[in-house]
């Protein structure tokens, strides 16, 4: 078994949903966009994110979310 980590630059407002599984502060549109990104990208388990947001016009969720404050999220994918 090997463990691989991948970093994605994603909207900062996705943090609570990705790390804690709590989408309560998100609109239905935001939640649907996040769900589509997860389904299409299959990033694995979110381990955490960077501390300081940075404004990004381009990020790894282009097409799913608009430009805005982003964080770098680290995901773990376990391959068998």
PDB file of N, CA and C in Angstrom:
ATOM      1  N   UNK A   1       0.852  -1.167   0.000  1.00  0.00           N
ATOM      2  CA  UNK A   1       0.000   0.000   0.000  1.00  0.00           C
ATOM      3  C   UNK A   1       0.901   1.234   0.000  1.00  0.00           C
ATOM      4  N   UNK A   2       0.566   2.220  -0.829  1.00  0.00           N
ATOM      5  CA  UNK A   2       1.323   3.469  -0.846  1.00  0.00           C
ATOM      6  C   UNK A   2       0.388   4.632  -0.535  1.00  0.00           C
ATOM      7  N   UNK A   3       0.949   5.637   0.100  1.00  0.00           N
ATOM      8  CA  UNK A   3       0.169   6.825   0.447  1.00  0.00           C
ATOM      9  C   UNK A   3       0.723   8.000  -0.330  1.00  0.00           C
ATOM     10  N   UNK A   4      -0.152   8.712  -0.994  1.00  0.00           N
ATOM     11  CA  UNK A   4       0.233   9.862  -1.799  1.00  0.00           C
ATOM     12  C   UNK A   4      -0.532  11.075  -1.289  1.00  0.00           C
ATOM     13  N   UNK A   5       0.146  12.209  -1.204  1.00  0.00           N
ATOM     14  CA  UNK A   5      -0.550  13.448  -0.859  1.00  0.00           C
ATOM     15  C   UNK A   5      -0.508  14.385  -2.055  1.00  0.00           C
ATOM     16  N   UNK A   6      -1.574  15.130  -2.204  1.00  0.00           N
ATOM     17  CA  UNK A   6      -1.693  16.097  -3.284  1.00  0.00           C
ATOM     18  C   UNK A   6      -2.205  17.400  -2.696  1.00  0.00           C
ATOM     19  N   UNK A   7      -1.654  18.516  -3.168  1.00  0.00           N
ATOM     20  CA  UNK A   7      -2.078  19.835  -2.708  1.00  0.00           C
ATOM     21  C   UNK A   7      -2.916  20.503  -3.796  1.00  0.00           C
ATOM     22  N   UNK A   8      -4.013  21.100  -3.371  1.00  0.00           N
ATOM     23  CA  UNK A   8      -4.898  21.834  -4.273  1.00  0.00           C
ATOM     24  C   UNK A   8      -5.114  23.235  -3.701  1.00  0.00           C
ATOM     25  N   UNK A   9      -5.104  24.231  -4.564  1.00  0.00           N
ATOM     26  CA  UNK A   9      -5.465  25.593  -4.173  1.00  0.00           C
ATOM     27  C   UNK A   9      -6.962  25.727  -4.425  1.00  0.00           C
ATOM     28  N   UNK A  10      -7.717  25.930  -3.333  1.00  0.00           N
ATOM     29  CA  UNK A  10      -9.174  25.920  -3.396  1.00  0.00           C
ATOM     30  C   UNK A  10      -9.750  27.098  -2.617  1.00  0.00           C
ATOM     31  N   UNK A  11     -11.017  27.431  -2.872  1.00  0.00           N
ATOM     32  CA  UNK A  11     -11.656  28.526  -2.146  1.00  0.00           C
ATOM     33  C   UNK A  11     -11.598  28.331  -0.628  1.00  0.00           C
ATOM     34  N   UNK A  12     -11.248  29.389   0.079  1.00  0.00           N
ATOM     35  CA  UNK A  12     -11.114  29.334   1.538  1.00  0.00           C
ATOM     36  C   UNK A  12     -12.438  28.982   2.210  1.00  0.00           C
ATOM     37  N   UNK A  13     -13.563  29.413   1.625  1.00  0.00           N
ATOM     38  CA  UNK A  13     -14.850  29.135   2.268  1.00  0.00           C
ATOM     39  C   UNK A  13     -15.256  27.659   2.173  1.00  0.00           C
ATOM     40  N   UNK A  14     -14.470  26.840   1.499  1.00  0.00           N
ATOM     41  CA  UNK A  14     -14.707  25.402   1.462  1.00  0.00           C
ATOM     42  C   UNK A  14     -14.042  24.690   2.638  1.00  0.00           C
ATOM     43  N   UNK A  15     -13.233  25.386   3.418  1.00  0.00           N
ATOM     44  CA  UNK A  15     -12.412  24.752   4.461  1.00  0.00           C
ATOM     45  C   UNK A  15     -13.229  23.935   5.456  1.00  0.00           C
ATOM     46  N   UNK A  16     -14.249  24.504   6.031  1.00  0.00           N
ATOM     47  CA  UNK A  16     -15.024  23.798   7.060  1.00  0.00           C
ATOM     48  C   UNK A  16     -15.665  22.529   6.488  1.00  0.00           C
ATOM     49  N   UNK A  17     -16.148  22.625   5.267  1.00  0.00           N
ATOM     50  CA  UNK A  17     -16.776  21.462   4.637  1.00  0.00           C
ATOM     51  C   UNK A  17     -15.751  20.378   4.325  1.00  0.00           C
ATOM     52  N   UNK A  18     -14.589  20.771   3.817  1.00  0.00           N
ATOM     53  CA  UNK A  18     -13.574  19.788   3.442  1.00  0.00           C
ATOM     54  C   UNK A  18     -12.905  19.148   4.651  1.00  0.00           C
ATOM     55  N   UNK A  19     -12.647  19.930   5.686  1.00  0.00           N
ATOM     56  CA  UNK A  19     -11.921  19.412   6.843  1.00  0.00           C
ATOM     57  C   UNK A  19     -12.847  18.770   7.860  1.00  0.00           C
ATOM     58  N   UNK A  20     -13.989  19.410   8.129  1.00  0.00           N
ATOM     59  CA  UNK A  20     -14.892  18.934   9.183  1.00  0.00           C
ATOM     60  C   UNK A  20     -16.169  18.286   8.665  1.00  0.00           C
ATOM     61  N   UNK A  21     -16.401  18.347   7.359  1.00  0.00           N
ATOM     62  CA  UNK A  21     -17.632  17.803   6.802  1.00  0.00           C
ATOM     63  C   UNK A  21     -18.854  18.639   7.134  1.00  0.00           C
ATOM     64  N   UNK A  22     -18.649  19.919   7.461  1.00  0.00           N
ATOM     65  CA  UNK A  22     -19.735  20.810   7.876  1.00  0.00           C
ATOM     66  C   UNK A  22     -20.010  21.841   6.794  1.00  0.00           C
ATOM     67  N   UNK A  23     -21.086  21.654   6.053  1.00  0.00           N
ATOM     68  CA  UNK A  23     -21.467  22.570   4.991  1.00  0.00           C
ATOM     69  C   UNK A  23     -22.529  23.565   5.442  1.00  0.00           C
ATOM     70  N   UNK A  24     -22.768  23.680   6.750  1.00  0.00           N
ATOM     71  CA  UNK A  24     -23.868  24.504   7.251  1.00  0.00           C
ATOM     72  C   UNK A  24     -23.743  25.989   6.910  1.00  0.00           C
ATOM     73  N   UNK A  25     -22.552  26.506   6.705  1.00  0.00           N
ATOM     74  CA  UNK A  25     -22.382  27.918   6.379  1.00  0.00           C
ATOM     75  C   UNK A  25     -22.379  28.203   4.895  1.00  0.00           C
ATOM     76  N   UNK A  26     -22.603  27.184   4.091  1.00  0.00           N
ATOM     77  CA  UNK A  26     -22.554  27.336   2.639  1.00  0.00           C
ATOM     78  C   UNK A  26     -23.949  27.425   2.050  1.00  0.00           C
ATOM     79  N   UNK A  27     -24.062  28.187   0.951  1.00  0.00           N
ATOM     80  CA  UNK A  27     -25.331  28.231   0.230  1.00  0.00           C
ATOM     81  C   UNK A  27     -25.508  26.912  -0.515  1.00  0.00           C
ATOM     82  N   UNK A  28     -26.713  26.679  -1.021  1.00  0.00           N
ATOM     83  CA  UNK A  28     -26.966  25.455  -1.793  1.00  0.00           C
ATOM     84  C   UNK A  28     -26.088  25.405  -3.036  1.00  0.00           C
ATOM     85  N   UNK A  29     -25.884  26.572  -3.684  1.00  0.00           N
ATOM     86  CA  UNK A  29     -25.043  26.632  -4.878  1.00  0.00           C
ATOM     87  C   UNK A  29     -23.593  26.294  -4.554  1.00  0.00           C
ATOM     88  N   UNK A  30     -23.079  26.850  -3.453  1.00  0.00           N
ATOM     89  CA  UNK A  30     -21.695  26.574  -3.042  1.00  0.00           C
ATOM     90  C   UNK A  30     -21.513  25.103  -2.699  1.00  0.00           C
ATOM     91  N   UNK A  31     -22.467  24.547  -1.984  1.00  0.00           N
ATOM     92  CA  UNK A  31     -22.408  23.139  -1.601  1.00  0.00           C
ATOM     93  C   UNK A  31     -22.451  22.238  -2.836  1.00  0.00           C
ATOM     94  N   UNK A  32     -23.298  22.576  -3.790  1.00  0.00           N
ATOM     95  CA  UNK A  32     -23.401  21.792  -5.027  1.00  0.00           C
ATOM     96  C   UNK A  32     -22.105  21.877  -5.830  1.00  0.00           C
ATOM     97  N   UNK A  33     -21.482  23.060  -5.874  1.00  0.00           N
ATOM     98  CA  UNK A  33     -20.220  23.230  -6.599  1.00  0.00           C
ATOM     99  C   UNK A  33     -19.118  22.389  -5.951  1.00  0.00           C
ATOM    100  N   UNK A  34     -19.049  22.413  -4.631  1.00  0.00           N
ATOM    101  CA  UNK A  34     -18.060  21.602  -3.916  1.00  0.00           C
ATOM    102  C   UNK A  34     -18.296  20.118  -4.184  1.00  0.00           C
ATOM    103  N   UNK A  35     -19.533  19.681  -4.113  1.00  0.00           N
ATOM    104  CA  UNK A  35     -19.859  18.270  -4.364  1.00  0.00           C
ATOM    105  C   UNK A  35     -19.463  17.849  -5.781  1.00  0.00           C
ATOM    106  N   UNK A  36     -19.710  18.732  -6.776  1.00  0.00           N
ATOM    107  CA  UNK A  36     -19.315  18.431  -8.162  1.00  0.00           C
ATOM    108  C   UNK A  36     -17.800  18.327  -8.278  1.00  0.00           C
ATOM    109  N   UNK A  37     -17.065  19.260  -7.615  1.00  0.00           N
ATOM    110  CA  UNK A  37     -15.600  19.230  -7.669  1.00  0.00           C
ATOM    111  C   UNK A  37     -15.073  17.920  -7.069  1.00  0.00           C
ATOM    112  N   UNK A  38     -15.612  17.529  -5.926  1.00  0.00           N
ATOM    113  CA  UNK A  38     -15.177  16.287  -5.277  1.00  0.00           C
ATOM    114  C   UNK A  38     -15.468  15.085  -6.177  1.00  0.00           C
ATOM    115  N   UNK A  39     -16.653  15.039  -6.756  1.00  0.00           N
ATOM    116  CA  UNK A  39     -17.031  13.924  -7.627  1.00  0.00           C
ATOM    117  C   UNK A  39     -16.128  13.856  -8.857  1.00  0.00           C
ATOM    118  N   UNK A  40     -15.821  15.007  -9.455  1.00  0.00           N
ATOM    119  CA  UNK A  40     -15.011  15.039 -10.668  1.00  0.00           C
ATOM    120  C   UNK A  40     -13.523  14.825 -10.395  1.00  0.00           C
ATOM    121  N   UNK A  41     -13.025  15.350  -9.274  1.00  0.00           N
ATOM    122  CA  UNK A  41     -11.590  15.324  -8.981  1.00  0.00           C
ATOM    123  C   UNK A  41     -11.178  14.105  -8.169  1.00  0.00           C
ATOM    124  N   UNK A  42     -12.050  13.645  -7.285  1.00  0.00           N
ATOM    125  CA  UNK A  42     -11.764  12.517  -6.384  1.00  0.00           C
ATOM    126  C   UNK A  42     -10.434  12.720  -5.653  1.00  0.00           C
ATOM    127  N   UNK A  43     -10.364  13.791  -4.835  1.00  0.00           N
ATOM    128  CA  UNK A  43      -9.088  14.141  -4.218  1.00  0.00           C
ATOM    129  C   UNK A  43      -8.665  13.247  -3.058  1.00  0.00           C
ATOM    130  N   UNK A  44      -9.576  12.516  -2.458  1.00  0.00           N
ATOM    131  CA  UNK A  44      -9.242  11.712  -1.286  1.00  0.00           C
ATOM    132  C   UNK A  44      -9.640  12.432  -0.003  1.00  0.00           C
ATOM    133  N   UNK A  45      -8.958  12.091   1.093  1.00  0.00           N
ATOM    134  CA  UNK A  45      -9.275  12.622   2.414  1.00  0.00           C
ATOM    135  C   UNK A  45      -8.493  13.915   2.662  1.00  0.00           C
ATOM    136  N   UNK A  46      -9.181  14.970   3.081  1.00  0.00           N
ATOM    137  CA  UNK A  46      -8.522  16.249   3.356  1.00  0.00           C
ATOM    138  C   UNK A  46      -7.820  16.202   4.709  1.00  0.00           C
ATOM    139  N   UNK A  47      -6.508  16.431   4.690  1.00  0.00           N
ATOM    140  CA  UNK A  47      -5.705  16.415   5.915  1.00  0.00           C
ATOM    141  C   UNK A  47      -5.673  17.766   6.607  1.00  0.00           C
ATOM    142  N   UNK A  48      -5.845  18.841   5.859  1.00  0.00           N
ATOM    143  CA  UNK A  48      -5.780  20.181   6.440  1.00  0.00           C
ATOM    144  C   UNK A  48      -5.504  21.208   5.359  1.00  0.00           C
ATOM    145  N   UNK A  49      -5.253  22.434   5.801  1.00  0.00           N
ATOM    146  CA  UNK A  49      -5.016  23.511   4.845  1.00  0.00           C
ATOM    147  C   UNK A  49      -4.033  24.527   5.419  1.00  0.00           C
ATOM    148  N   UNK A  50      -3.582  25.412   4.551  1.00  0.00           N
ATOM    149  CA  UNK A  50      -2.678  26.479   4.963  1.00  0.00           C
ATOM    150  C   UNK A  50      -3.413  27.437   5.902  1.00  0.00           C
ATOM    151  N   UNK A  51      -2.650  28.289   6.582  1.00  0.00           N
ATOM    152  CA  UNK A  51      -3.236  29.198   7.574  1.00  0.00           C
ATOM    153  C   UNK A  51      -3.703  30.528   6.996  1.00  0.00           C
ATOM    154  N   UNK A  52      -2.987  31.053   6.030  1.00  0.00           N
ATOM    155  CA  UNK A  52      -3.274  32.392   5.512  1.00  0.00           C
ATOM    156  C   UNK A  52      -3.879  32.328   4.115  1.00  0.00           C
ATOM    157  N   UNK A  53      -5.073  32.912   3.926  1.00  0.00           N
ATOM    158  CA  UNK A  53      -5.660  32.930   2.590  1.00  0.00           C
ATOM    159  C   UNK A  53      -4.921  33.900   1.667  1.00  0.00           C
ATOM    160  N   UNK A  54      -5.028  33.619   0.389  1.00  0.00           N
ATOM    161  CA  UNK A  54      -4.428  34.455  -0.637  1.00  0.00           C
ATOM    162  C   UNK A  54      -5.450  34.613  -1.754  1.00  0.00           C
ATOM    163  N   UNK A  55      -5.613  35.833  -2.271  1.00  0.00           N
ATOM    164  CA  UNK A  55      -6.575  36.042  -3.350  1.00  0.00           C
ATOM    165  C   UNK A  55      -6.061  35.385  -4.623  1.00  0.00           C
ATOM    166  N   UNK A  56      -6.911  34.585  -5.254  1.00  0.00           N
ATOM    167  CA  UNK A  56      -6.533  33.871  -6.476  1.00  0.00           C
ATOM    168  C   UNK A  56      -7.585  34.107  -7.555  1.00  0.00           C
ATOM    169  N   UNK A  57      -7.121  34.471  -8.733  1.00  0.00           N
ATOM    170  CA  UNK A  57      -8.048  34.570  -9.860  1.00  0.00           C
ATOM    171  C   UNK A  57      -8.157  33.219 -10.562  1.00  0.00           C
ATOM    172  N   UNK A  58      -7.114  32.399 -10.438  1.00  0.00           N
ATOM    173  CA  UNK A  58      -7.113  31.038 -10.979  1.00  0.00           C
ATOM    174  C   UNK A  58      -6.763  30.087  -9.846  1.00  0.00           C
ATOM    175  N   UNK A  59      -7.504  29.002  -9.752  1.00  0.00           N
ATOM    176  CA  UNK A  59      -7.251  28.011  -8.709  1.00  0.00           C
ATOM    177  C   UNK A  59      -7.679  26.651  -9.213  1.00  0.00           C
ATOM    178  N   UNK A  60      -7.520  25.636  -8.398  1.00  0.00           N
ATOM    179  CA  UNK A  60      -7.831  24.268  -8.825  1.00  0.00           C
ATOM    180  C   UNK A  60      -9.325  23.962  -8.884  1.00  0.00           C
ATOM    181  N   UNK A  61     -10.146  24.915  -8.499  1.00  0.00           N
ATOM    182  CA  UNK A  61     -11.599  24.735  -8.594  1.00  0.00           C
ATOM    183  C   UNK A  61     -12.193  25.647  -9.663  1.00  0.00           C
ATOM    184  N   UNK A  62     -11.350  26.105 -10.601  1.00  0.00           N
ATOM    185  CA  UNK A  62     -11.871  26.916 -11.710  1.00  0.00           C
ATOM    186  C   UNK A  62     -12.988  26.143 -12.403  1.00  0.00           C
ATOM    187  N   UNK A  63     -14.055  26.833 -12.711  1.00  0.00           N
ATOM    188  CA  UNK A  63     -15.216  26.185 -13.304  1.00  0.00           C
ATOM    189  C   UNK A  63     -16.236  25.753 -12.262  1.00  0.00           C
ATOM    190  N   UNK A  64     -15.811  25.695 -11.002  1.00  0.00           N
ATOM    191  CA  UNK A  64     -16.701  25.317  -9.903  1.00  0.00           C
ATOM    192  C   UNK A  64     -16.932  26.491  -8.959  1.00  0.00           C
ATOM    193  N   UNK A  65     -15.965  27.394  -8.860  1.00  0.00           N
ATOM    194  CA  UNK A  65     -16.053  28.536  -7.950  1.00  0.00           C
ATOM    195  C   UNK A  65     -15.367  29.735  -8.588  1.00  0.00           C
ATOM    196  N   UNK A  66     -15.816  30.924  -8.208  1.00  0.00           N
ATOM    197  CA  UNK A  66     -15.249  32.156  -8.736  1.00  0.00           C
ATOM    198  C   UNK A  66     -13.933  32.489  -8.049  1.00  0.00           C
ATOM    199  N   UNK A  67     -13.247  33.476  -8.587  1.00  0.00           N
ATOM    200  CA  UNK A  67     -12.019  33.976  -7.966  1.00  0.00           C
ATOM    201  C   UNK A  67     -12.333  34.474  -6.564  1.00  0.00           C
ATOM    202  N   UNK A  68     -11.357  34.360  -5.679  1.00  0.00           N
ATOM    203  CA  UNK A  68     -11.558  34.817  -4.299  1.00  0.00           C
ATOM    204  C   UNK A  68     -10.422  34.350  -3.419  1.00  0.00           C
ATOM    205  N   UNK A  69     -10.614  34.478  -2.107  1.00  0.00           N
ATOM    206  CA  UNK A  69      -9.600  34.024  -1.161  1.00  0.00           C
ATOM    207  C   UNK A  69      -9.482  32.504  -1.229  1.00  0.00           C
ATOM    208  N   UNK A  70      -8.235  32.038  -1.297  1.00  0.00           N
ATOM    209  CA  UNK A  70      -7.969  30.606  -1.410  1.00  0.00           C
ATOM    210  C   UNK A  70      -6.965  30.159  -0.353  1.00  0.00           C
ATOM    211  N   UNK A  71      -7.019  28.888  -0.068  1.00  0.00           N
ATOM    212  CA  UNK A  71      -6.063  28.229   0.816  1.00  0.00           C
ATOM    213  C   UNK A  71      -5.496  27.031   0.067  1.00  0.00           C
ATOM    214  N   UNK A  72      -4.363  26.546   0.526  1.00  0.00           N
ATOM    215  CA  UNK A  72      -3.791  25.331  -0.050  1.00  0.00           C
ATOM    216  C   UNK A  72      -4.215  24.161   0.829  1.00  0.00           C
ATOM    217  N   UNK A  73      -4.969  23.255   0.254  1.00  0.00           N
ATOM    218  CA  UNK A  73      -5.491  22.085   0.959  1.00  0.00           C
ATOM    219  C   UNK A  73      -4.647  20.866   0.590  1.00  0.00           C
ATOM    220  N   UNK A  74      -4.328  20.043   1.572  1.00  0.00           N
ATOM    221  CA  UNK A  74      -3.571  18.819   1.345  1.00  0.00           C
ATOM    222  C   UNK A  74      -4.514  17.629   1.516  1.00  0.00           C
ATOM    223  N   UNK A  75      -4.502  16.765   0.527  1.00  0.00           N
ATOM    224  CA  UNK A  75      -5.354  15.576   0.526  1.00  0.00           C
ATOM    225  C   UNK A  75      -4.485  14.331   0.509  1.00  0.00           C
ATOM    226  N   UNK A  76      -4.971  13.296   1.171  1.00  0.00           N
ATOM    227  CA  UNK A  76      -4.296  12.005   1.207  1.00  0.00           C
ATOM    228  C   UNK A  76      -5.128  11.015   0.421  1.00  0.00           C
ATOM    229  N   UNK A  77      -4.471  10.332  -0.484  1.00  0.00           N
ATOM    230  CA  UNK A  77      -5.134   9.297  -1.257  1.00  0.00           C
ATOM    231  C   UNK A  77      -4.395   7.999  -1.014  1.00  0.00           C
ATOM    232  N   UNK A  78      -5.101   6.983  -0.603  1.00  0.00           N
ATOM    233  CA  UNK A  78      -4.481   5.692  -0.324  1.00  0.00           C
ATOM    234  C   UNK A  78      -4.733   4.784  -1.521  1.00  0.00           C
ATOM    235  N   UNK A  79      -3.654   4.327  -2.129  1.00  0.00           N
ATOM    236  CA  UNK A  79      -3.728   3.428  -3.267  1.00  0.00           C
ATOM    237  C   UNK A  79      -3.390   2.023  -2.807  1.00  0.00           C
ATOM    238  N   UNK A  80      -4.178   1.066  -3.248  1.00  0.00           N
ATOM    239  CA  UNK A  80      -3.922  -0.326  -2.890  1.00  0.00           C
ATOM    240  C   UNK A  80      -3.234  -1.040  -4.021  1.00  0.00           C
TER     241      UNK A  80
END
